Amino acid sequence: MKTNLIAIGLITVLMVTFLILPLAACSSTPKETPKEITIVGGGSSGEAGATMAVGDSLTLILESNPSTGYQWSEQAAIIGTSSIGAEVEQTEHKYVAPDSKDNMLVGASGQEQWTFKAVNKGTATIFLSYGRSWESKAEKTFKLTVTVK
């Protein structure tokens, strides 16, 4: 009787081992860690491009000087090509004042920063304009083309 219990216990352990271990090997592969991409400026052309994966985030940084009345549009205009929804979404916008040594300068420019997250595969174009709120024409524009793979 004792031998039968030991045999049953041993068979149970072996069955569990041979059934569970192969299932563990079939578990999903680990996903890549989302990347953080930063684009500063964009040069004199006023445009830039980036390639991202779903889940990645992108921070766009542009010079700004609101003390002159000029500032970038807070909310970006995003035009995408995906039929299932936006490829990227804006998650944050903030103004970053110049560091303390430059704060002594009246009219010193700072930076505006936007953060976008890739949510669907496709291509999106992000448009921003820089101007004064009381003027109808923008002083300059910025275009960012993002491809989400």
N, C-alpha and C. Protein backbone atom coordinates (compact mmCIF):
# COMPACT_ATOMS: atom_id res chain seq x y z
N MET A 1 0.83 -1.19 0.00
CA MET A 1 0.00 0.00 0.00
C MET A 1 0.87 1.26 0.00
N LYS A 2 1.92 1.23 0.87
CA LYS A 2 2.83 2.36 0.94
C LYS A 2 3.57 2.54 -0.38
N THR A 3 3.93 1.43 -1.01
CA THR A 3 4.63 1.48 -2.28
C THR A 3 3.74 2.08 -3.36
N ASN A 4 2.43 1.75 -3.34
CA ASN A 4 1.48 2.30 -4.32
C ASN A 4 1.35 3.82 -4.17
N LEU A 5 1.31 4.31 -2.94
CA LEU A 5 1.20 5.75 -2.71
C LEU A 5 2.45 6.48 -3.21
N ILE A 6 3.61 5.88 -2.96
CA ILE A 6 4.86 6.49 -3.43
C ILE A 6 4.88 6.51 -4.96
N ALA A 7 4.45 5.43 -5.59
CA ALA A 7 4.42 5.34 -7.05
C ALA A 7 3.45 6.36 -7.64
N ILE A 8 2.28 6.50 -7.02
CA ILE A 8 1.29 7.47 -7.49
C ILE A 8 1.83 8.89 -7.34
N GLY A 9 2.47 9.17 -6.22
CA GLY A 9 3.06 10.49 -5.98
C GLY A 9 4.14 10.80 -7.00
N LEU A 10 4.98 9.80 -7.27
CA LEU A 10 6.05 9.98 -8.24
C LEU A 10 5.50 10.21 -9.64
N ILE A 11 4.50 9.47 -10.01
CA ILE A 11 3.87 9.63 -11.33
C ILE A 11 3.22 11.01 -11.44
N THR A 12 2.57 11.45 -10.37
CA THR A 12 1.95 12.77 -10.38
C THR A 12 2.99 13.87 -10.56
N VAL A 13 4.08 13.79 -9.84
CA VAL A 13 5.15 14.79 -9.96
C VAL A 13 5.71 14.80 -11.38
N LEU A 14 5.94 13.62 -11.96
CA LEU A 14 6.48 13.55 -13.32
C LEU A 14 5.50 14.11 -14.34
N MET A 15 4.22 13.80 -14.18
CA MET A 15 3.21 14.29 -15.13
C MET A 15 3.12 15.81 -15.07
N VAL A 16 3.10 16.36 -13.86
CA VAL A 16 3.03 17.81 -13.72
C VAL A 16 4.27 18.44 -14.33
N THR A 17 5.43 17.86 -14.07
CA THR A 17 6.68 18.40 -14.60
C THR A 17 6.67 18.40 -16.12
N PHE A 18 6.27 17.30 -16.73
CA PHE A 18 6.30 17.21 -18.18
C PHE A 18 5.16 17.95 -18.87
N LEU A 19 4.10 18.26 -18.13
CA LEU A 19 3.01 19.02 -18.73
C LEU A 19 3.19 20.52 -18.56
N ILE A 20 3.70 20.96 -17.42
CA ILE A 20 3.81 22.39 -17.14
C ILE A 20 5.05 23.01 -17.76
N LEU A 21 6.16 22.32 -17.74
CA LEU A 21 7.38 22.90 -18.30
C LEU A 21 7.24 23.23 -19.79
N PRO A 22 6.68 22.35 -20.61
CA PRO A 22 6.51 22.72 -22.01
C PRO A 22 5.56 23.91 -22.20
N LEU A 23 4.55 24.03 -21.36
CA LEU A 23 3.64 25.16 -21.45
C LEU A 23 4.34 26.46 -21.08
N ALA A 24 5.22 26.41 -20.10
CA ALA A 24 5.98 27.60 -19.71
C ALA A 24 6.88 28.05 -20.86
N ALA A 25 7.41 27.11 -21.61
CA ALA A 25 8.27 27.45 -22.74
C ALA A 25 7.48 28.12 -23.86
N CYS A 26 6.18 27.88 -23.91
CA CYS A 26 5.33 28.46 -24.95
C CYS A 26 4.81 29.84 -24.56
N SER A 27 5.12 30.30 -23.38
CA SER A 27 4.61 31.60 -22.96
C SER A 27 5.13 32.69 -23.89
N SER A 28 4.43 33.82 -23.88
CA SER A 28 4.78 34.89 -24.81
C SER A 28 6.19 35.41 -24.56
N THR A 29 6.80 35.84 -25.64
CA THR A 29 8.15 36.38 -25.53
C THR A 29 8.07 37.74 -24.87
N PRO A 30 9.10 38.13 -24.15
CA PRO A 30 9.06 39.43 -23.48
C PRO A 30 9.01 40.57 -24.50
N LYS A 31 8.21 41.58 -24.19
CA LYS A 31 8.07 42.72 -25.09
C LYS A 31 9.25 43.66 -24.89
N GLU A 32 9.55 44.41 -25.96
CA GLU A 32 10.62 45.39 -25.87
C GLU A 32 10.20 46.52 -24.94
N THR A 33 11.14 47.07 -24.24
CA THR A 33 10.89 48.21 -23.39
C THR A 33 10.60 49.42 -24.28
N PRO A 34 9.52 50.16 -23.99
CA PRO A 34 9.24 51.34 -24.81
C PRO A 34 10.42 52.31 -24.79
N LYS A 35 10.66 52.91 -25.93
CA LYS A 35 11.77 53.85 -26.06
C LYS A 35 11.27 55.27 -25.88
N GLU A 36 12.17 56.14 -25.45
CA GLU A 36 11.87 57.57 -25.36
C GLU A 36 12.76 58.29 -26.36
N ILE A 37 12.13 58.99 -27.28
CA ILE A 37 12.84 59.72 -28.34
C ILE A 37 12.70 61.21 -28.06
N THR A 38 13.77 61.96 -28.25
CA THR A 38 13.72 63.41 -28.08
C THR A 38 14.19 64.10 -29.34
N ILE A 39 13.41 65.06 -29.80
CA ILE A 39 13.78 65.87 -30.96
C ILE A 39 13.87 67.31 -30.47
N VAL A 40 15.02 67.92 -30.66
CA VAL A 40 15.23 69.31 -30.24
C VAL A 40 15.30 70.17 -31.50
N GLY A 41 14.46 71.19 -31.54
CA GLY A 41 14.49 72.11 -32.68
C GLY A 41 13.95 71.46 -33.94
N GLY A 42 14.75 71.36 -34.91
CA GLY A 42 14.32 70.82 -36.18
C GLY A 42 15.04 71.54 -37.30
N GLY A 43 15.94 72.39 -36.88
CA GLY A 43 16.73 73.09 -37.89
C GLY A 43 15.96 74.22 -38.54
N SER A 44 16.55 74.77 -39.57
CA SER A 44 15.94 75.91 -40.24
C SER A 44 14.77 75.50 -41.13
N SER A 45 14.64 74.20 -41.40
CA SER A 45 13.57 73.76 -42.30
C SER A 45 12.20 73.80 -41.62
N GLY A 46 12.17 73.75 -40.28
CA GLY A 46 10.90 73.75 -39.58
C GLY A 46 10.18 72.42 -39.68
N GLU A 47 10.94 71.37 -39.93
CA GLU A 47 10.31 70.04 -39.94
C GLU A 47 11.30 68.97 -39.55
N ALA A 48 10.75 67.85 -39.11
CA ALA A 48 11.56 66.71 -38.68
C ALA A 48 10.73 65.44 -38.87
N GLY A 49 11.40 64.31 -38.72
CA GLY A 49 10.73 63.03 -38.83
C GLY A 49 11.25 62.06 -37.79
N ALA A 50 10.44 61.07 -37.45
CA ALA A 50 10.84 60.06 -36.47
C ALA A 50 10.11 58.77 -36.76
N THR A 51 10.76 57.66 -36.38
CA THR A 51 10.14 56.34 -36.48
C THR A 51 10.04 55.78 -35.07
N MET A 52 8.87 55.28 -34.73
CA MET A 52 8.61 54.78 -33.39
C MET A 52 7.93 53.42 -33.46
N ALA A 53 7.91 52.73 -32.34
CA ALA A 53 7.12 51.51 -32.19
C ALA A 53 5.94 51.84 -31.28
N VAL A 54 4.87 51.06 -31.38
CA VAL A 54 3.72 51.27 -30.50
C VAL A 54 4.20 51.19 -29.06
N GLY A 55 3.81 52.17 -28.26
CA GLY A 55 4.23 52.24 -26.86
C GLY A 55 5.37 53.21 -26.61
N ASP A 56 6.13 53.55 -27.65
CA ASP A 56 7.23 54.50 -27.50
C ASP A 56 6.67 55.90 -27.24
N SER A 57 7.51 56.75 -26.64
CA SER A 57 7.12 58.14 -26.47
C SER A 57 8.15 59.04 -27.12
N LEU A 58 7.69 60.20 -27.53
CA LEU A 58 8.54 61.17 -28.22
C LEU A 58 8.34 62.53 -27.57
N THR A 59 9.43 63.20 -27.26
CA THR A 59 9.37 64.56 -26.73
C THR A 59 9.93 65.50 -27.77
N LEU A 60 9.15 66.50 -28.12
CA LEU A 60 9.56 67.53 -29.07
C LEU A 60 9.84 68.80 -28.28
N ILE A 61 11.02 69.40 -28.49
CA ILE A 61 11.42 70.61 -27.76
C ILE A 61 11.71 71.71 -28.77
N LEU A 62 11.01 72.84 -28.64
CA LEU A 62 11.21 73.99 -29.52
C LEU A 62 11.43 75.24 -28.69
N GLU A 63 12.33 76.10 -29.18
CA GLU A 63 12.59 77.38 -28.51
C GLU A 63 11.32 78.23 -28.53
N SER A 64 11.12 78.98 -27.44
CA SER A 64 9.93 79.82 -27.34
C SER A 64 10.23 81.03 -26.46
N ASN A 65 9.59 82.14 -26.77
CA ASN A 65 9.81 83.35 -25.98
C ASN A 65 8.47 84.05 -25.74
N PRO A 66 7.69 83.56 -24.78
CA PRO A 66 6.36 84.15 -24.56
C PRO A 66 6.40 85.58 -24.03
N SER A 67 7.56 86.03 -23.55
CA SER A 67 7.65 87.42 -23.07
C SER A 67 7.46 88.42 -24.21
N THR A 68 7.61 87.97 -25.45
CA THR A 68 7.41 88.83 -26.62
C THR A 68 5.99 88.69 -27.18
N GLY A 69 5.21 87.82 -26.55
CA GLY A 69 3.85 87.57 -27.04
C GLY A 69 3.78 86.37 -27.97
N TYR A 70 4.93 85.87 -28.38
CA TYR A 70 4.95 84.71 -29.26
C TYR A 70 5.00 83.42 -28.45
N GLN A 71 4.24 82.46 -28.91
CA GLN A 71 4.33 81.13 -28.31
C GLN A 71 3.79 80.10 -29.29
N TRP A 72 4.19 78.86 -29.07
CA TRP A 72 3.75 77.75 -29.91
C TRP A 72 2.34 77.36 -29.52
N SER A 73 1.59 76.78 -30.47
CA SER A 73 0.26 76.27 -30.16
C SER A 73 0.38 75.19 -29.10
N GLU A 74 -0.47 75.29 -28.09
CA GLU A 74 -0.39 74.34 -26.98
C GLU A 74 -0.82 72.94 -27.43
N GLN A 75 -1.91 72.89 -28.16
CA GLN A 75 -2.43 71.62 -28.66
C GLN A 75 -1.98 71.43 -30.10
N ALA A 76 -1.28 70.34 -30.37
CA ALA A 76 -0.81 70.05 -31.72
C ALA A 76 -1.96 69.57 -32.59
N ALA A 77 -1.93 69.93 -33.86
CA ALA A 77 -2.87 69.38 -34.84
C ALA A 77 -2.25 68.10 -35.37
N ILE A 78 -2.92 66.97 -35.18
CA ILE A 78 -2.38 65.67 -35.59
C ILE A 78 -3.27 65.09 -36.68
N ILE A 79 -2.67 64.79 -37.83
CA ILE A 79 -3.41 64.20 -38.94
C ILE A 79 -2.77 62.84 -39.23
N GLY A 80 -3.58 61.78 -39.15
CA GLY A 80 -3.06 60.43 -39.34
C GLY A 80 -3.66 59.73 -40.53
N THR A 81 -3.12 58.55 -40.81
CA THR A 81 -3.59 57.75 -41.94
C THR A 81 -4.28 56.46 -41.51
N SER A 82 -4.25 56.15 -40.23
CA SER A 82 -4.81 54.89 -39.75
C SER A 82 -6.33 54.92 -39.77
N SER A 83 -6.91 53.80 -40.16
CA SER A 83 -8.37 53.71 -40.16
C SER A 83 -8.91 53.28 -38.81
N ILE A 84 -8.03 52.84 -37.91
CA ILE A 84 -8.49 52.36 -36.59
C ILE A 84 -8.30 53.39 -35.49
N GLY A 85 -7.82 54.56 -35.81
CA GLY A 85 -7.63 55.60 -34.80
C GLY A 85 -6.28 56.27 -34.95
N ALA A 86 -6.03 57.20 -34.07
CA ALA A 86 -4.80 57.99 -34.15
C ALA A 86 -3.56 57.12 -33.95
N GLU A 87 -2.51 57.45 -34.69
CA GLU A 87 -1.24 56.75 -34.55
C GLU A 87 -0.49 57.26 -33.31
N VAL A 88 -0.59 58.55 -33.07
CA VAL A 88 0.05 59.15 -31.89
C VAL A 88 -0.97 60.03 -31.17
N GLU A 89 -0.76 60.17 -29.87
CA GLU A 89 -1.60 61.10 -29.11
C GLU A 89 -0.71 61.98 -28.26
N GLN A 90 -1.12 63.22 -28.12
CA GLN A 90 -0.38 64.16 -27.29
C GLN A 90 -0.72 63.88 -25.83
N THR A 91 0.31 63.68 -25.02
CA THR A 91 0.07 63.38 -23.61
C THR A 91 0.46 64.53 -22.68
N GLU A 92 1.28 65.47 -23.18
CA GLU A 92 1.69 66.57 -22.31
C GLU A 92 2.20 67.75 -23.14
N HIS A 93 2.05 68.93 -22.59
CA HIS A 93 2.65 70.15 -23.14
C HIS A 93 3.03 71.01 -21.95
N LYS A 94 4.25 71.58 -21.99
CA LYS A 94 4.66 72.48 -20.91
C LYS A 94 5.69 73.47 -21.43
N TYR A 95 5.76 74.60 -20.74
CA TYR A 95 6.79 75.60 -21.02
C TYR A 95 7.87 75.44 -19.96
N VAL A 96 9.12 75.42 -20.39
CA VAL A 96 10.25 75.31 -19.47
C VAL A 96 11.02 76.62 -19.54
N ALA A 97 11.02 77.36 -18.43
CA ALA A 97 11.71 78.65 -18.37
C ALA A 97 13.22 78.43 -18.46
N PRO A 98 13.95 79.46 -18.86
CA PRO A 98 15.41 79.32 -18.92
C PRO A 98 15.97 79.05 -17.53
N ASP A 99 17.14 78.44 -17.47
CA ASP A 99 17.72 78.12 -16.16
C ASP A 99 18.07 79.41 -15.42
N SER A 100 18.36 79.29 -14.14
CA SER A 100 18.48 80.45 -13.25
C SER A 100 19.50 81.49 -13.70
N LYS A 101 20.61 81.08 -14.29
CA LYS A 101 21.61 82.07 -14.71
C LYS A 101 21.08 82.94 -15.85
N ASP A 102 20.18 82.40 -16.67
CA ASP A 102 19.61 83.18 -17.77
C ASP A 102 18.36 83.95 -17.34
N ASN A 103 17.79 83.61 -16.18
CA ASN A 103 16.59 84.30 -15.71
C ASN A 103 16.86 85.78 -15.45
N MET A 104 18.11 86.12 -15.29
CA MET A 104 18.46 87.52 -15.04
C MET A 104 18.28 88.36 -16.30
N LEU A 105 18.24 87.72 -17.45
CA LEU A 105 18.07 88.44 -18.70
C LEU A 105 16.59 88.64 -19.00
N VAL A 106 16.18 89.88 -19.12
CA VAL A 106 14.79 90.16 -19.47
C VAL A 106 14.56 89.71 -20.91
N GLY A 107 13.48 88.97 -21.12
CA GLY A 107 13.15 88.52 -22.46
C GLY A 107 13.89 87.28 -22.91
N ALA A 108 14.58 86.60 -21.98
CA ALA A 108 15.30 85.37 -22.36
C ALA A 108 14.30 84.30 -22.78
N SER A 109 14.66 83.58 -23.81
CA SER A 109 13.74 82.55 -24.30
C SER A 109 13.92 81.25 -23.53
N GLY A 110 12.84 80.49 -23.49
CA GLY A 110 12.85 79.17 -22.87
C GLY A 110 12.51 78.13 -23.92
N GLN A 111 11.87 77.08 -23.48
CA GLN A 111 11.50 76.00 -24.40
C GLN A 111 10.07 75.55 -24.14
N GLU A 112 9.42 75.15 -25.21
CA GLU A 112 8.13 74.48 -25.07
C GLU A 112 8.36 73.02 -25.40
N GLN A 113 7.74 72.15 -24.62
CA GLN A 113 7.92 70.70 -24.79
C GLN A 113 6.58 70.01 -24.92
N TRP A 114 6.48 69.15 -25.92
CA TRP A 114 5.30 68.31 -26.12
C TRP A 114 5.75 66.86 -26.02
N THR A 115 4.91 66.04 -25.42
CA THR A 115 5.18 64.61 -25.37
C THR A 115 4.05 63.90 -26.10
N PHE A 116 4.44 62.97 -26.97
CA PHE A 116 3.48 62.19 -27.74
C PHE A 116 3.74 60.71 -27.49
N LYS A 117 2.68 59.91 -27.52
CA LYS A 117 2.82 58.46 -27.36
C LYS A 117 2.30 57.78 -28.61
N ALA A 118 3.07 56.78 -29.09
CA ALA A 118 2.64 56.00 -30.26
C ALA A 118 1.61 54.96 -29.82
N VAL A 119 0.43 54.99 -30.43
CA VAL A 119 -0.64 54.09 -30.01
C VAL A 119 -1.10 53.10 -31.08
N ASN A 120 -0.90 53.41 -32.35
CA ASN A 120 -1.29 52.52 -33.45
C ASN A 120 -0.27 52.63 -34.58
N LYS A 121 -0.16 51.56 -35.36
CA LYS A 121 0.73 51.58 -36.51
C LYS A 121 0.18 52.50 -37.59
N GLY A 122 1.09 53.16 -38.31
CA GLY A 122 0.68 54.06 -39.38
C GLY A 122 1.59 55.28 -39.40
N THR A 123 1.16 56.30 -40.13
CA THR A 123 1.92 57.54 -40.24
C THR A 123 1.05 58.71 -39.81
N ALA A 124 1.63 59.59 -39.00
CA ALA A 124 0.91 60.78 -38.55
C ALA A 124 1.78 62.00 -38.80
N THR A 125 1.13 63.10 -39.10
CA THR A 125 1.83 64.37 -39.24
C THR A 125 1.32 65.31 -38.16
N ILE A 126 2.26 65.89 -37.43
CA ILE A 126 1.95 66.78 -36.32
C ILE A 126 2.32 68.20 -36.75
N PHE A 127 1.37 69.12 -36.61
CA PHE A 127 1.59 70.51 -37.01
C PHE A 127 1.50 71.42 -35.79
N LEU A 128 2.46 72.35 -35.69
CA LEU A 128 2.46 73.36 -34.65
C LEU A 128 2.70 74.72 -35.28
N SER A 129 2.12 75.75 -34.70
CA SER A 129 2.36 77.11 -35.22
C SER A 129 2.84 78.01 -34.09
N TYR A 130 3.68 78.98 -34.45
CA TYR A 130 4.29 79.90 -33.50
C TYR A 130 3.86 81.31 -33.87
N GLY A 131 3.18 81.98 -32.97
CA GLY A 131 2.71 83.32 -33.27
C GLY A 131 2.10 83.97 -32.05
N ARG A 132 1.50 85.12 -32.29
CA ARG A 132 0.82 85.86 -31.23
C ARG A 132 -0.67 85.58 -31.33
N SER A 133 -1.30 85.44 -30.19
CA SER A 133 -2.72 85.06 -30.18
C SER A 133 -3.61 86.10 -30.86
N TRP A 134 -3.21 87.36 -30.89
CA TRP A 134 -4.03 88.41 -31.48
C TRP A 134 -3.74 88.62 -32.97
N GLU A 135 -2.78 87.89 -33.51
CA GLU A 135 -2.48 87.99 -34.94
C GLU A 135 -2.98 86.74 -35.65
N SER A 136 -3.49 86.93 -36.86
CA SER A 136 -4.08 85.79 -37.59
C SER A 136 -3.05 84.91 -38.28
N LYS A 137 -1.89 85.48 -38.62
CA LYS A 137 -0.88 84.72 -39.34
C LYS A 137 0.23 84.26 -38.39
N ALA A 138 0.63 83.01 -38.54
CA ALA A 138 1.71 82.46 -37.72
C ALA A 138 3.06 83.00 -38.18
N GLU A 139 3.92 83.25 -37.23
CA GLU A 139 5.27 83.71 -37.54
C GLU A 139 6.08 82.58 -38.19
N LYS A 140 5.90 81.36 -37.66
CA LYS A 140 6.54 80.18 -38.24
C LYS A 140 5.74 78.94 -37.87
N THR A 141 6.01 77.86 -38.56
CA THR A 141 5.32 76.59 -38.31
C THR A 141 6.36 75.48 -38.16
N PHE A 142 5.91 74.38 -37.58
CA PHE A 142 6.76 73.21 -37.43
C PHE A 142 5.93 71.98 -37.79
N LYS A 143 6.53 71.09 -38.57
CA LYS A 143 5.85 69.87 -39.01
C LYS A 143 6.71 68.67 -38.62
N LEU A 144 6.10 67.73 -37.93
CA LEU A 144 6.79 66.50 -37.51
C LEU A 144 6.03 65.32 -38.09
N THR A 145 6.72 64.52 -38.89
CA THR A 145 6.12 63.31 -39.47
C THR A 145 6.61 62.11 -38.68
N VAL A 146 5.65 61.36 -38.15
CA VAL A 146 5.97 60.20 -37.30
C VAL A 146 5.44 58.93 -37.96
N THR A 147 6.32 57.95 -38.11
CA THR A 147 5.91 56.64 -38.61
C THR A 147 5.95 55.67 -37.43
N VAL A 148 4.82 55.02 -37.18
CA VAL A 148 4.72 54.05 -36.09
C VAL A 148 4.69 52.67 -36.70
N LYS A 149 5.68 51.85 -36.32
CA LYS A 149 5.78 50.49 -36.87
C LYS A 149 5.41 49.46 -35.84
